[in-house]
């Protein structure tokens, strides 16, 4: 399987859970279902992908425990970063040797 680009927003888990994130993701899921589109985003507590050496600087800026929302849709992640404001945004490739499973938790 060729690696795919995943986009994400990440922040402390406490911050993400204090935001209306669950509502936003539920609404997005309903929208996808209404348009027969497969869900392409995931909420990942303590994401293992942050251990990728290319993301070490980002990981140092986040307060553990960390959570993330990842997606293959860059536009959705950009919108989510604006909606949530105090998040870090980035991207990574998976599956790779450094990130074998994009939705794995530590």
C-alpha atoms as a PDB file:
ATOM      1  CA  UNK A   1       0.000   0.000   0.000  1.00  0.00           C
ATOM      2  CA  UNK A   2       1.396   3.406  -0.972  1.00  0.00           C
ATOM      3  CA  UNK A   3       1.653   6.016   1.784  1.00  0.00           C
ATOM      4  CA  UNK A   4      -1.120   8.579   1.916  1.00  0.00           C
ATOM      5  CA  UNK A   5      -0.976  12.108   3.279  1.00  0.00           C
ATOM      6  CA  UNK A   6      -2.911  12.692   6.485  1.00  0.00           C
ATOM      7  CA  UNK A   7      -3.580  16.170   7.864  1.00  0.00           C
ATOM      8  CA  UNK A   8      -4.225  16.833  11.529  1.00  0.00           C
ATOM      9  CA  UNK A   9      -4.966  19.235  14.313  1.00  0.00           C
ATOM     10  CA  UNK A  10      -3.548  18.364  17.706  1.00  0.00           C
ATOM     11  CA  UNK A  11      -3.836  19.870  21.164  1.00  0.00           C
ATOM     12  CA  UNK A  12      -4.054  18.806  24.754  1.00  0.00           C
ATOM     13  CA  UNK A  13      -6.791  16.257  25.186  1.00  0.00           C
ATOM     14  CA  UNK A  14      -8.366  18.382  27.932  1.00  0.00           C
ATOM     15  CA  UNK A  15      -8.600  21.364  25.573  1.00  0.00           C
ATOM     16  CA  UNK A  16     -10.134  19.350  22.737  1.00  0.00           C
ATOM     17  CA  UNK A  17     -12.664  17.786  25.080  1.00  0.00           C
ATOM     18  CA  UNK A  18     -13.625  21.209  26.458  1.00  0.00           C
ATOM     19  CA  UNK A  19     -14.433  22.441  22.946  1.00  0.00           C
ATOM     20  CA  UNK A  20     -17.610  21.440  21.058  1.00  0.00           C
ATOM     21  CA  UNK A  21     -15.497  18.996  19.044  1.00  0.00           C
ATOM     22  CA  UNK A  22     -17.846  16.053  19.488  1.00  0.00           C
ATOM     23  CA  UNK A  23     -20.725  18.111  18.063  1.00  0.00           C
ATOM     24  CA  UNK A  24     -18.624  19.223  15.108  1.00  0.00           C
ATOM     25  CA  UNK A  25     -17.540  15.658  14.302  1.00  0.00           C
ATOM     26  CA  UNK A  26     -21.084  14.312  14.666  1.00  0.00           C
ATOM     27  CA  UNK A  27     -22.395  16.996  12.292  1.00  0.00           C
ATOM     28  CA  UNK A  28     -19.623  16.238   9.820  1.00  0.00           C
ATOM     29  CA  UNK A  29     -20.474  12.513   9.999  1.00  0.00           C
ATOM     30  CA  UNK A  30     -24.156  13.251   9.278  1.00  0.00           C
ATOM     31  CA  UNK A  31     -23.164  15.469   6.353  1.00  0.00           C
ATOM     32  CA  UNK A  32     -20.988  12.710   4.888  1.00  0.00           C
ATOM     33  CA  UNK A  33     -23.757  10.132   5.313  1.00  0.00           C
ATOM     34  CA  UNK A  34     -26.291  12.398   3.581  1.00  0.00           C
ATOM     35  CA  UNK A  35     -23.911  12.727   0.627  1.00  0.00           C
ATOM     36  CA  UNK A  36     -22.900   9.037   0.566  1.00  0.00           C
ATOM     37  CA  UNK A  37     -19.319   9.988   1.311  1.00  0.00           C
ATOM     38  CA  UNK A  38     -17.101   7.729   3.415  1.00  0.00           C
ATOM     39  CA  UNK A  39     -15.909   9.171   6.710  1.00  0.00           C
ATOM     40  CA  UNK A  40     -12.281  10.223   6.282  1.00  0.00           C
ATOM     41  CA  UNK A  41     -11.523  11.679   9.704  1.00  0.00           C
ATOM     42  CA  UNK A  42     -10.705  10.188  13.091  1.00  0.00           C
ATOM     43  CA  UNK A  43     -10.340  11.383  16.662  1.00  0.00           C
ATOM     44  CA  UNK A  44      -7.148   9.852  18.052  1.00  0.00           C
ATOM     45  CA  UNK A  45      -6.278  10.107  21.757  1.00  0.00           C
ATOM     46  CA  UNK A  46      -2.528  10.020  22.429  1.00  0.00           C
ATOM     47  CA  UNK A  47      -1.654   9.694  18.730  1.00  0.00           C
ATOM     48  CA  UNK A  48       1.343   7.495  17.973  1.00  0.00           C
ATOM     49  CA  UNK A  49       2.081   9.403  14.750  1.00  0.00           C
ATOM     50  CA  UNK A  50       3.493  12.259  16.853  1.00  0.00           C
ATOM     51  CA  UNK A  51       6.485  10.016  17.552  1.00  0.00           C
ATOM     52  CA  UNK A  52       7.520  10.389  13.917  1.00  0.00           C
ATOM     53  CA  UNK A  53      10.954  12.090  14.011  1.00  0.00           C
ATOM     54  CA  UNK A  54       9.723  14.762  11.602  1.00  0.00           C
ATOM     55  CA  UNK A  55       7.085  15.852  14.171  1.00  0.00           C
ATOM     56  CA  UNK A  56       9.307  15.984  17.275  1.00  0.00           C
ATOM     57  CA  UNK A  57       9.351  19.799  17.437  1.00  0.00           C
ATOM     58  CA  UNK A  58       5.576  19.882  17.252  1.00  0.00           C
ATOM     59  CA  UNK A  59       5.211  17.206  19.920  1.00  0.00           C
ATOM     60  CA  UNK A  60       7.346  19.305  22.301  1.00  0.00           C
ATOM     61  CA  UNK A  61       4.919  22.247  21.970  1.00  0.00           C
ATOM     62  CA  UNK A  62       1.898  20.168  23.028  1.00  0.00           C
ATOM     63  CA  UNK A  63       0.856  19.528  26.624  1.00  0.00           C
ATOM     64  CA  UNK A  64       0.227  15.839  27.329  1.00  0.00           C
ATOM     65  CA  UNK A  65      -1.941  13.980  27.173  1.00  0.00           C
ATOM     66  CA  UNK A  66      -2.457  14.978  23.553  1.00  0.00           C
ATOM     67  CA  UNK A  67      -5.307  14.167  21.188  1.00  0.00           C
ATOM     68  CA  UNK A  68      -5.712  14.801  17.478  1.00  0.00           C
ATOM     69  CA  UNK A  69      -8.231  14.794  14.676  1.00  0.00           C
ATOM     70  CA  UNK A  70      -6.753  13.426  11.470  1.00  0.00           C
ATOM     71  CA  UNK A  71      -8.177  13.374   7.962  1.00  0.00           C
ATOM     72  CA  UNK A  72      -7.200  12.926   4.357  1.00  0.00           C
ATOM     73  CA  UNK A  73      -9.120  16.141   3.634  1.00  0.00           C
ATOM     74  CA  UNK A  74      -6.790  19.135   4.056  1.00  0.00           C
ATOM     75  CA  UNK A  75      -9.662  21.619   3.724  1.00  0.00           C
ATOM     76  CA  UNK A  76     -11.567  20.064   6.625  1.00  0.00           C
ATOM     77  CA  UNK A  77      -8.483  20.206   8.854  1.00  0.00           C
ATOM     78  CA  UNK A  78      -7.812  23.849   7.911  1.00  0.00           C
ATOM     79  CA  UNK A  79     -11.436  24.703   8.741  1.00  0.00           C
ATOM     80  CA  UNK A  80     -11.192  22.782  12.024  1.00  0.00           C
ATOM     81  CA  UNK A  81      -7.985  24.608  12.988  1.00  0.00           C
ATOM     82  CA  UNK A  82      -9.752  27.947  12.475  1.00  0.00           C
ATOM     83  CA  UNK A  83     -12.805  26.733  14.401  1.00  0.00           C
ATOM     84  CA  UNK A  84     -10.760  25.487  17.369  1.00  0.00           C
ATOM     85  CA  UNK A  85      -8.021  28.192  17.211  1.00  0.00           C
ATOM     86  CA  UNK A  86      -5.603  26.923  19.900  1.00  0.00           C
ATOM     87  CA  UNK A  87      -4.404  23.816  18.072  1.00  0.00           C
ATOM     88  CA  UNK A  88      -1.299  22.785  16.179  1.00  0.00           C
ATOM     89  CA  UNK A  89      -1.771  21.752  12.565  1.00  0.00           C
ATOM     90  CA  UNK A  90       0.414  19.479  10.457  1.00  0.00           C
ATOM     91  CA  UNK A  91       0.625  16.534   8.130  1.00  0.00           C
ATOM     92  CA  UNK A  92       2.356  13.173   7.834  1.00  0.00           C
ATOM     93  CA  UNK A  93       2.552  10.172   5.529  1.00  0.00           C
ATOM     94  CA  UNK A  94       1.280   6.702   6.454  1.00  0.00           C
ATOM     95  CA  UNK A  95       1.764   3.835   6.329  1.00  0.00           C
ATOM     96  CA  UNK A  96       5.533   4.209   6.632  1.00  0.00           C
ATOM     97  CA  UNK A  97       8.214   2.646   8.809  1.00  0.00           C
ATOM     98  CA  UNK A  98       7.862   5.563  11.259  1.00  0.00           C
ATOM     99  CA  UNK A  99       4.037   5.589  11.164  1.00  0.00           C
ATOM    100  CA  UNK A 100       2.695   2.129  10.289  1.00  0.00           C
ATOM    101  CA  UNK A 101      -0.878   2.933  11.422  1.00  0.00           C
ATOM    102  CA  UNK A 102      -2.141   6.524  11.149  1.00  0.00           C
ATOM    103  CA  UNK A 103      -4.875   6.107  13.774  1.00  0.00           C
ATOM    104  CA  UNK A 104      -2.867   4.210  16.396  1.00  0.00           C
ATOM    105  CA  UNK A 105      -2.699   5.474  19.963  1.00  0.00           C
ATOM    106  CA  UNK A 106       0.333   5.168  22.215  1.00  0.00           C
END
